[in-house]
C-alpha cells in the first residue's frame, strides 16, 4: 500500500474540499485529513436555525451543479453540510 502523497490538506471544510477538487483535476496525489467526519461540525456545532449569510452561488463548491432556482437563496446548516456529501 502506497501512502506517499504530493499534498496533504488539513481540514475538510469548504476550502479544503475546493483545494482537493482542483488537485484532482490536475491529477496531483493528495489526501484530505479531517478530525471527524466531513460536515460533522456543521451538524453538531451550529444552532438549528442557522442560515448561511452569503447566497448559494458564493458558497457552492467547484464541480457541483448549482440549480438556477436556488442560486440566490441562503442554505440552512443541514442543507449546506449534507449537500456536498
PDB file of N, CA and C in Angstrom:
ATOM      1  N   UNK A   1       0.849  -1.170   0.000  1.00  0.00           N
ATOM      2  CA  UNK A   1       0.000   0.000   0.000  1.00  0.00           C
ATOM      3  C   UNK A   1       0.895   1.235   0.000  1.00  0.00           C
ATOM      4  N   UNK A   2       0.607   2.170  -0.891  1.00  0.00           N
ATOM      5  CA  UNK A   2       1.417   3.380  -1.030  1.00  0.00           C
ATOM      6  C   UNK A   2       0.738   4.548  -0.322  1.00  0.00           C
ATOM      7  N   UNK A   3       1.418   5.090   0.699  1.00  0.00           N
ATOM      8  CA  UNK A   3       0.867   6.218   1.438  1.00  0.00           C
ATOM      9  C   UNK A   3       1.529   7.533   1.040  1.00  0.00           C
ATOM     10  N   UNK A   4       2.382   7.511   0.030  1.00  0.00           N
ATOM     11  CA  UNK A   4       3.090   8.717  -0.375  1.00  0.00           C
ATOM     12  C   UNK A   4       2.144   9.633  -1.157  1.00  0.00           C
ATOM     13  N   UNK A   5       2.058  10.884  -0.731  1.00  0.00           N
ATOM     14  CA  UNK A   5       1.209  11.879  -1.386  1.00  0.00           C
ATOM     15  C   UNK A   5       2.041  13.127  -1.647  1.00  0.00           C
ATOM     16  N   UNK A   6       1.702  13.861  -2.705  1.00  0.00           N
ATOM     17  CA  UNK A   6       2.377  15.116  -3.006  1.00  0.00           C
ATOM     18  C   UNK A   6       1.882  16.241  -2.108  1.00  0.00           C
ATOM     19  N   UNK A   7       0.608  16.174  -1.738  1.00  0.00           N
ATOM     20  CA  UNK A   7      -0.020  17.242  -0.954  1.00  0.00           C
ATOM     21  C   UNK A   7      -0.890  16.621   0.124  1.00  0.00           C
ATOM     22  N   UNK A   8      -0.853  17.207   1.305  1.00  0.00           N
ATOM     23  CA  UNK A   8      -1.777  16.843   2.382  1.00  0.00           C
ATOM     24  C   UNK A   8      -2.574  18.087   2.732  1.00  0.00           C
ATOM     25  N   UNK A   9      -3.886  17.968   2.706  1.00  0.00           N
ATOM     26  CA  UNK A   9      -4.779  19.071   3.048  1.00  0.00           C
ATOM     27  C   UNK A   9      -5.290  18.817   4.453  1.00  0.00           C
ATOM     28  N   UNK A  10      -5.118  19.803   5.319  1.00  0.00           N
ATOM     29  CA  UNK A  10      -5.596  19.684   6.698  1.00  0.00           C
ATOM     30  C   UNK A  10      -6.951  20.385   6.785  1.00  0.00           C
ATOM     31  N   UNK A  11      -7.987  19.611   6.988  1.00  0.00           N
ATOM     32  CA  UNK A  11      -9.334  20.160   7.140  1.00  0.00           C
ATOM     33  C   UNK A  11     -10.189  19.947   5.907  1.00  0.00           C
ATOM     34  N   UNK A  12     -11.349  19.355   6.105  1.00  0.00           N
ATOM     35  CA  UNK A  12     -12.278  19.083   5.011  1.00  0.00           C
ATOM     36  C   UNK A  12     -13.419  20.081   5.002  1.00  0.00           C
ATOM     37  N   UNK A  13     -13.088  21.322   5.334  1.00  0.00           N
ATOM     38  CA  UNK A  13     -14.073  22.396   5.215  1.00  0.00           C
ATOM     39  C   UNK A  13     -14.202  22.814   3.760  1.00  0.00           C
ATOM     40  N   UNK A  14     -14.854  23.921   3.531  1.00  0.00           N
ATOM     41  CA  UNK A  14     -15.098  24.375   2.165  1.00  0.00           C
ATOM     42  C   UNK A  14     -13.785  24.591   1.407  1.00  0.00           C
ATOM     43  N   UNK A  15     -12.806  25.228   2.023  1.00  0.00           N
ATOM     44  CA  UNK A  15     -11.537  25.481   1.351  1.00  0.00           C
ATOM     45  C   UNK A  15     -10.783  24.181   1.079  1.00  0.00           C
ATOM     46  N   UNK A  16     -10.773  23.277   2.046  1.00  0.00           N
ATOM     47  CA  UNK A  16     -10.086  22.008   1.863  1.00  0.00           C
ATOM     48  C   UNK A  16     -10.705  21.163   0.766  1.00  0.00           C
ATOM     49  N   UNK A  17     -12.028  21.129   0.714  1.00  0.00           N
ATOM     50  CA  UNK A  17     -12.703  20.360  -0.326  1.00  0.00           C
ATOM     51  C   UNK A  17     -12.503  20.982  -1.701  1.00  0.00           C
ATOM     52  N   UNK A  18     -12.513  22.321  -1.769  1.00  0.00           N
ATOM     53  CA  UNK A  18     -12.266  23.001  -3.046  1.00  0.00           C
ATOM     54  C   UNK A  18     -10.834  22.742  -3.515  1.00  0.00           C
ATOM     55  N   UNK A  19      -9.875  22.812  -2.591  1.00  0.00           N
ATOM     56  CA  UNK A  19      -8.480  22.528  -2.953  1.00  0.00           C
ATOM     57  C   UNK A  19      -8.351  21.097  -3.473  1.00  0.00           C
ATOM     58  N   UNK A  20      -9.011  20.159  -2.823  1.00  0.00           N
ATOM     59  CA  UNK A  20      -8.980  18.769  -3.255  1.00  0.00           C
ATOM     60  C   UNK A  20      -9.532  18.617  -4.667  1.00  0.00           C
ATOM     61  N   UNK A  21     -10.605  19.314  -4.960  1.00  0.00           N
ATOM     62  CA  UNK A  21     -11.208  19.258  -6.291  1.00  0.00           C
ATOM     63  C   UNK A  21     -10.198  19.677  -7.364  1.00  0.00           C
ATOM     64  N   UNK A  22      -9.533  20.807  -7.133  1.00  0.00           N
ATOM     65  CA  UNK A  22      -8.604  21.311  -8.144  1.00  0.00           C
ATOM     66  C   UNK A  22      -7.337  20.462  -8.243  1.00  0.00           C
ATOM     67  N   UNK A  23      -6.882  19.899  -7.142  1.00  0.00           N
ATOM     68  CA  UNK A  23      -5.743  18.981  -7.194  1.00  0.00           C
ATOM     69  C   UNK A  23      -6.097  17.727  -7.991  1.00  0.00           C
ATOM     70  N   UNK A  24      -7.291  17.219  -7.772  1.00  0.00           N
ATOM     71  CA  UNK A  24      -7.745  16.038  -8.517  1.00  0.00           C
ATOM     72  C   UNK A  24      -7.849  16.345 -10.010  1.00  0.00           C
ATOM     73  N   UNK A  25      -8.327  17.551 -10.342  1.00  0.00           N
ATOM     74  CA  UNK A  25      -8.413  17.960 -11.745  1.00  0.00           C
ATOM     75  C   UNK A  25      -7.038  17.924 -12.423  1.00  0.00           C
ATOM     76  N   UNK A  26      -5.985  18.198 -11.661  1.00  0.00           N
ATOM     77  CA  UNK A  26      -4.613  18.210 -12.183  1.00  0.00           C
ATOM     78  C   UNK A  26      -3.895  16.881 -11.956  1.00  0.00           C
ATOM     79  N   UNK A  27      -4.630  15.871 -11.483  1.00  0.00           N
ATOM     80  CA  UNK A  27      -4.081  14.532 -11.197  1.00  0.00           C
ATOM     81  C   UNK A  27      -2.911  14.575 -10.222  1.00  0.00           C
ATOM     82  N   UNK A  28      -2.997  15.440  -9.225  1.00  0.00           N
ATOM     83  CA  UNK A  28      -1.977  15.550  -8.186  1.00  0.00           C
ATOM     84  C   UNK A  28      -2.397  14.676  -7.008  1.00  0.00           C
ATOM     85  N   UNK A  29      -1.532  13.739  -6.613  1.00  0.00           N
ATOM     86  CA  UNK A  29      -1.811  12.845  -5.491  1.00  0.00           C
ATOM     87  C   UNK A  29      -1.928  13.651  -4.202  1.00  0.00           C
ATOM     88  N   UNK A  30      -3.020  13.462  -3.495  1.00  0.00           N
ATOM     89  CA  UNK A  30      -3.229  14.201  -2.246  1.00  0.00           C
ATOM     90  C   UNK A  30      -4.179  13.432  -1.339  1.00  0.00           C
ATOM     91  N   UNK A  31      -4.244  13.866  -0.095  1.00  0.00           N
ATOM     92  CA  UNK A  31      -5.249  13.342   0.824  1.00  0.00           C
ATOM     93  C   UNK A  31      -5.756  14.500   1.669  1.00  0.00           C
ATOM     94  N   UNK A  32      -6.979  14.352   2.135  1.00  0.00           N
ATOM     95  CA  UNK A  32      -7.625  15.357   2.972  1.00  0.00           C
ATOM     96  C   UNK A  32      -7.783  14.755   4.362  1.00  0.00           C
ATOM     97  N   UNK A  33      -7.235  15.426   5.356  1.00  0.00           N
ATOM     98  CA  UNK A  33      -7.355  14.958   6.740  1.00  0.00           C
ATOM     99  C   UNK A  33      -8.404  15.790   7.465  1.00  0.00           C
ATOM    100  N   UNK A  34      -9.275  15.118   8.182  1.00  0.00           N
ATOM    101  CA  UNK A  34     -10.321  15.797   8.943  1.00  0.00           C
ATOM    102  C   UNK A  34     -10.385  15.142  10.317  1.00  0.00           C
ATOM    103  N   UNK A  35     -10.560  15.961  11.327  1.00  0.00           N
ATOM    104  CA  UNK A  35     -10.581  15.460  12.701  1.00  0.00           C
ATOM    105  C   UNK A  35     -11.714  14.457  12.908  1.00  0.00           C
ATOM    106  N   UNK A  36     -12.882  14.759  12.372  1.00  0.00           N
ATOM    107  CA  UNK A  36     -14.015  13.840  12.479  1.00  0.00           C
ATOM    108  C   UNK A  36     -14.475  13.515  11.064  1.00  0.00           C
ATOM    109  N   UNK A  37     -15.766  13.374  10.856  1.00  0.00           N
ATOM    110  CA  UNK A  37     -16.274  13.142   9.508  1.00  0.00           C
ATOM    111  C   UNK A  37     -16.568  14.478   8.840  1.00  0.00           C
ATOM    112  N   UNK A  38     -16.567  14.473   7.519  1.00  0.00           N
ATOM    113  CA  UNK A  38     -16.852  15.700   6.774  1.00  0.00           C
ATOM    114  C   UNK A  38     -18.249  16.189   7.138  1.00  0.00           C
ATOM    115  N   UNK A  39     -18.342  17.457   7.478  1.00  0.00           N
ATOM    116  CA  UNK A  39     -19.621  18.064   7.818  1.00  0.00           C
ATOM    117  C   UNK A  39     -20.045  17.904   9.264  1.00  0.00           C
ATOM    118  N   UNK A  40     -19.232  17.231  10.087  1.00  0.00           N
ATOM    119  CA  UNK A  40     -19.667  16.980  11.466  1.00  0.00           C
ATOM    120  C   UNK A  40     -19.806  18.271  12.277  1.00  0.00           C
ATOM    121  N   UNK A  41     -18.929  19.242  12.067  1.00  0.00           N
ATOM    122  CA  UNK A  41     -19.056  20.486  12.843  1.00  0.00           C
ATOM    123  C   UNK A  41     -20.316  21.247  12.453  1.00  0.00           C
ATOM    124  N   UNK A  42     -20.739  21.103  11.186  1.00  0.00           N
ATOM    125  CA  UNK A  42     -21.968  21.773  10.760  1.00  0.00           C
ATOM    126  C   UNK A  42     -23.199  21.154  11.402  1.00  0.00           C
ATOM    127  N   UNK A  43     -23.155  19.872  11.635  1.00  0.00           N
ATOM    128  CA  UNK A  43     -24.337  19.235  12.220  1.00  0.00           C
ATOM    129  C   UNK A  43     -24.322  19.264  13.745  1.00  0.00           C
ATOM    130  N   UNK A  44     -23.153  19.465  14.368  1.00  0.00           N
ATOM    131  CA  UNK A  44     -23.080  19.408  15.829  1.00  0.00           C
ATOM    132  C   UNK A  44     -22.742  20.733  16.503  1.00  0.00           C
ATOM    133  N   UNK A  45     -22.174  21.680  15.766  1.00  0.00           N
ATOM    134  CA  UNK A  45     -21.719  22.922  16.395  1.00  0.00           C
ATOM    135  C   UNK A  45     -22.431  24.168  15.865  1.00  0.00           C
ATOM    136  N   UNK A  46     -23.560  24.014  15.217  1.00  0.00           N
ATOM    137  CA  UNK A  46     -24.343  25.146  14.723  1.00  0.00           C
ATOM    138  C   UNK A  46     -25.764  25.033  15.276  1.00  0.00           C
ATOM    139  N   UNK A  47     -26.376  26.166  15.545  1.00  0.00           N
ATOM    140  CA  UNK A  47     -27.748  26.110  16.046  1.00  0.00           C
ATOM    141  C   UNK A  47     -28.699  25.759  14.908  1.00  0.00           C
ATOM    142  N   UNK A  48     -29.848  25.196  15.262  1.00  0.00           N
ATOM    143  CA  UNK A  48     -30.785  24.653  14.271  1.00  0.00           C
ATOM    144  C   UNK A  48     -31.285  25.691  13.274  1.00  0.00           C
ATOM    145  N   UNK A  49     -31.418  26.950  13.695  1.00  0.00           N
ATOM    146  CA  UNK A  49     -31.967  27.972  12.808  1.00  0.00           C
ATOM    147  C   UNK A  49     -30.899  28.654  11.954  1.00  0.00           C
ATOM    148  N   UNK A  50     -29.651  28.200  12.041  1.00  0.00           N
ATOM    149  CA  UNK A  50     -28.547  28.835  11.307  1.00  0.00           C
ATOM    150  C   UNK A  50     -28.774  28.788   9.804  1.00  0.00           C
ATOM    151  N   UNK A  51     -28.531  29.925   9.148  1.00  0.00           N
ATOM    152  CA  UNK A  51     -28.530  30.006   7.685  1.00  0.00           C
ATOM    153  C   UNK A  51     -27.245  30.692   7.261  1.00  0.00           C
ATOM    154  N   UNK A  52     -26.747  30.333   6.096  1.00  0.00           N
ATOM    155  CA  UNK A  52     -25.555  30.979   5.558  1.00  0.00           C
ATOM    156  C   UNK A  52     -25.842  32.472   5.400  1.00  0.00           C
ATOM    157  N   UNK A  53     -24.808  33.291   5.542  1.00  0.00           N
ATOM    158  CA  UNK A  53     -25.017  34.734   5.365  1.00  0.00           C
ATOM    159  C   UNK A  53     -24.548  35.203   3.991  1.00  0.00           C
ATOM    160  N   UNK A  54     -24.275  34.255   3.120  1.00  0.00           N
ATOM    161  CA  UNK A  54     -23.962  34.552   1.730  1.00  0.00           C
ATOM    162  C   UNK A  54     -24.855  33.684   0.849  1.00  0.00           C
ATOM    163  N   UNK A  55     -25.212  34.178  -0.331  1.00  0.00           N
ATOM    164  CA  UNK A  55     -26.071  33.378  -1.210  1.00  0.00           C
ATOM    165  C   UNK A  55     -25.358  32.123  -1.705  1.00  0.00           C
ATOM    166  N   UNK A  56     -26.137  31.164  -2.134  1.00  0.00           N
ATOM    167  CA  UNK A  56     -25.609  29.866  -2.555  1.00  0.00           C
ATOM    168  C   UNK A  56     -24.504  29.978  -3.605  1.00  0.00           C
ATOM    169  N   UNK A  57     -24.626  30.905  -4.538  1.00  0.00           N
ATOM    170  CA  UNK A  57     -23.622  30.994  -5.599  1.00  0.00           C
ATOM    171  C   UNK A  57     -22.246  31.352  -5.038  1.00  0.00           C
ATOM    172  N   UNK A  58     -22.169  31.948  -3.857  1.00  0.00           N
ATOM    173  CA  UNK A  58     -20.882  32.301  -3.254  1.00  0.00           C
ATOM    174  C   UNK A  58     -20.294  31.156  -2.432  1.00  0.00           C
ATOM    175  N   UNK A  59     -21.103  30.232  -1.973  1.00  0.00           N
ATOM    176  CA  UNK A  59     -20.626  29.177  -1.092  1.00  0.00           C
ATOM    177  C   UNK A  59     -20.569  27.813  -1.771  1.00  0.00           C
ATOM    178  N   UNK A  60     -20.993  27.725  -3.007  1.00  0.00           N
ATOM    179  CA  UNK A  60     -21.054  26.451  -3.703  1.00  0.00           C
ATOM    180  C   UNK A  60     -19.660  25.954  -4.027  1.00  0.00           C
ATOM    181  N   UNK A  61     -19.447  24.661  -3.883  1.00  0.00           N
ATOM    182  CA  UNK A  61     -18.149  24.072  -4.174  1.00  0.00           C
ATOM    183  C   UNK A  61     -17.954  23.858  -5.671  1.00  0.00           C
ATOM    184  N   UNK A  62     -16.720  24.002  -6.149  1.00  0.00           N
ATOM    185  CA  UNK A  62     -16.456  23.775  -7.567  1.00  0.00           C
ATOM    186  C   UNK A  62     -16.784  22.338  -7.957  1.00  0.00           C
ATOM    187  N   UNK A  63     -17.287  22.186  -9.171  1.00  0.00           N
ATOM    188  CA  UNK A  63     -17.608  20.858  -9.675  1.00  0.00           C
ATOM    189  C   UNK A  63     -19.020  20.404  -9.388  1.00  0.00           C
ATOM    190  N   UNK A  64     -19.710  21.082  -8.485  1.00  0.00           N
ATOM    191  CA  UNK A  64     -21.096  20.717  -8.193  1.00  0.00           C
ATOM    192  C   UNK A  64     -22.037  21.607  -8.999  1.00  0.00           C
ATOM    193  N   UNK A  65     -23.112  21.015  -9.473  1.00  0.00           N
ATOM    194  CA  UNK A  65     -24.079  21.765 -10.265  1.00  0.00           C
ATOM    195  C   UNK A  65     -25.000  22.556  -9.339  1.00  0.00           C
ATOM    196  N   UNK A  66     -25.111  23.832  -9.593  1.00  0.00           N
ATOM    197  CA  UNK A  66     -25.992  24.705  -8.804  1.00  0.00           C
ATOM    198  C   UNK A  66     -27.237  25.016  -9.620  1.00  0.00           C
ATOM    199  N   UNK A  67     -28.385  24.619  -9.105  1.00  0.00           N
ATOM    200  CA  UNK A  67     -29.635  24.876  -9.810  1.00  0.00           C
ATOM    201  C   UNK A  67     -29.918  26.372  -9.814  1.00  0.00           C
ATOM    202  N   UNK A  68     -30.316  26.883 -10.954  1.00  0.00           N
ATOM    203  CA  UNK A  68     -30.581  28.321 -11.113  1.00  0.00           C
ATOM    204  C   UNK A  68     -31.634  28.817 -10.121  1.00  0.00           C
ATOM    205  N   UNK A  69     -32.632  27.984  -9.821  1.00  0.00           N
ATOM    206  CA  UNK A  69     -33.719  28.432  -8.944  1.00  0.00           C
ATOM    207  C   UNK A  69     -33.273  28.662  -7.496  1.00  0.00           C
ATOM    208  N   UNK A  70     -32.152  28.053  -7.076  1.00  0.00           N
ATOM    209  CA  UNK A  70     -31.679  28.271  -5.701  1.00  0.00           C
ATOM    210  C   UNK A  70     -30.406  29.109  -5.636  1.00  0.00           C
ATOM    211  N   UNK A  71     -29.983  29.632  -6.757  1.00  0.00           N
ATOM    212  CA  UNK A  71     -28.742  30.395  -6.854  1.00  0.00           C
ATOM    213  C   UNK A  71     -28.653  31.538  -5.852  1.00  0.00           C
ATOM    214  N   UNK A  72     -29.723  32.300  -5.672  1.00  0.00           N
ATOM    215  CA  UNK A  72     -29.707  33.468  -4.795  1.00  0.00           C
ATOM    216  C   UNK A  72     -30.313  33.212  -3.418  1.00  0.00           C
ATOM    217  N   UNK A  73     -30.593  31.957  -3.103  1.00  0.00           N
ATOM    218  CA  UNK A  73     -31.127  31.616  -1.784  1.00  0.00           C
ATOM    219  C   UNK A  73     -29.987  31.428  -0.784  1.00  0.00           C
ATOM    220  N   UNK A  74     -30.350  31.244   0.488  1.00  0.00           N
ATOM    221  CA  UNK A  74     -29.379  31.054   1.560  1.00  0.00           C
ATOM    222  C   UNK A  74     -29.626  29.694   2.204  1.00  0.00           C
ATOM    223  N   UNK A  75     -28.633  28.816   2.138  1.00  0.00           N
ATOM    224  CA  UNK A  75     -28.793  27.461   2.656  1.00  0.00           C
ATOM    225  C   UNK A  75     -28.866  27.436   4.179  1.00  0.00           C
ATOM    226  N   UNK A  76     -29.602  26.456   4.685  1.00  0.00           N
ATOM    227  CA  UNK A  76     -29.595  26.181   6.122  1.00  0.00           C
ATOM    228  C   UNK A  76     -28.333  25.390   6.441  1.00  0.00           C
ATOM    229  N   UNK A  77     -28.052  25.220   7.714  1.00  0.00           N
ATOM    230  CA  UNK A  77     -26.851  24.464   8.110  1.00  0.00           C
ATOM    231  C   UNK A  77     -26.898  23.032   7.594  1.00  0.00           C
ATOM    232  N   UNK A  78     -28.052  22.384   7.666  1.00  0.00           N
ATOM    233  CA  UNK A  78     -28.156  20.999   7.216  1.00  0.00           C
ATOM    234  C   UNK A  78     -28.036  20.879   5.702  1.00  0.00           C
ATOM    235  N   UNK A  79     -28.670  21.776   4.967  1.00  0.00           N
ATOM    236  CA  UNK A  79     -28.564  21.680   3.512  1.00  0.00           C
ATOM    237  C   UNK A  79     -27.140  21.978   3.053  1.00  0.00           C
ATOM    238  N   UNK A  80     -26.431  22.848   3.767  1.00  0.00           N
ATOM    239  CA  UNK A  80     -25.038  23.122   3.432  1.00  0.00           C
ATOM    240  C   UNK A  80     -24.158  21.927   3.732  1.00  0.00           C
ATOM    241  N   UNK A  81     -24.273  21.396   4.917  1.00  0.00           N
ATOM    242  CA  UNK A  81     -23.398  20.299   5.355  1.00  0.00           C
ATOM    243  C   UNK A  81     -23.609  19.036   4.533  1.00  0.00           C
ATOM    244  N   UNK A  82     -24.823  18.736   4.197  1.00  0.00           N
ATOM    245  CA  UNK A  82     -25.101  17.454   3.564  1.00  0.00           C
ATOM    246  C   UNK A  82     -25.249  17.531   2.046  1.00  0.00           C
ATOM    247  N   UNK A  83     -25.201  18.720   1.479  1.00  0.00           N
ATOM    248  CA  UNK A  83     -25.308  18.814   0.023  1.00  0.00           C
ATOM    249  C   UNK A  83     -24.011  18.436  -0.657  1.00  0.00           C
ATOM    250  N   UNK A  84     -22.900  18.412   0.088  1.00  0.00           N
ATOM    251  CA  UNK A  84     -21.604  18.123  -0.514  1.00  0.00           C
ATOM    252  C   UNK A  84     -21.162  16.691  -0.277  1.00  0.00           C
ATOM    253  N   UNK A  85     -21.925  15.911   0.442  1.00  0.00           N
ATOM    254  CA  UNK A  85     -21.511  14.526   0.747  1.00  0.00           C
ATOM    255  C   UNK A  85     -21.965  13.578  -0.321  1.00  0.00           C
TER     256      UNK A  85
END
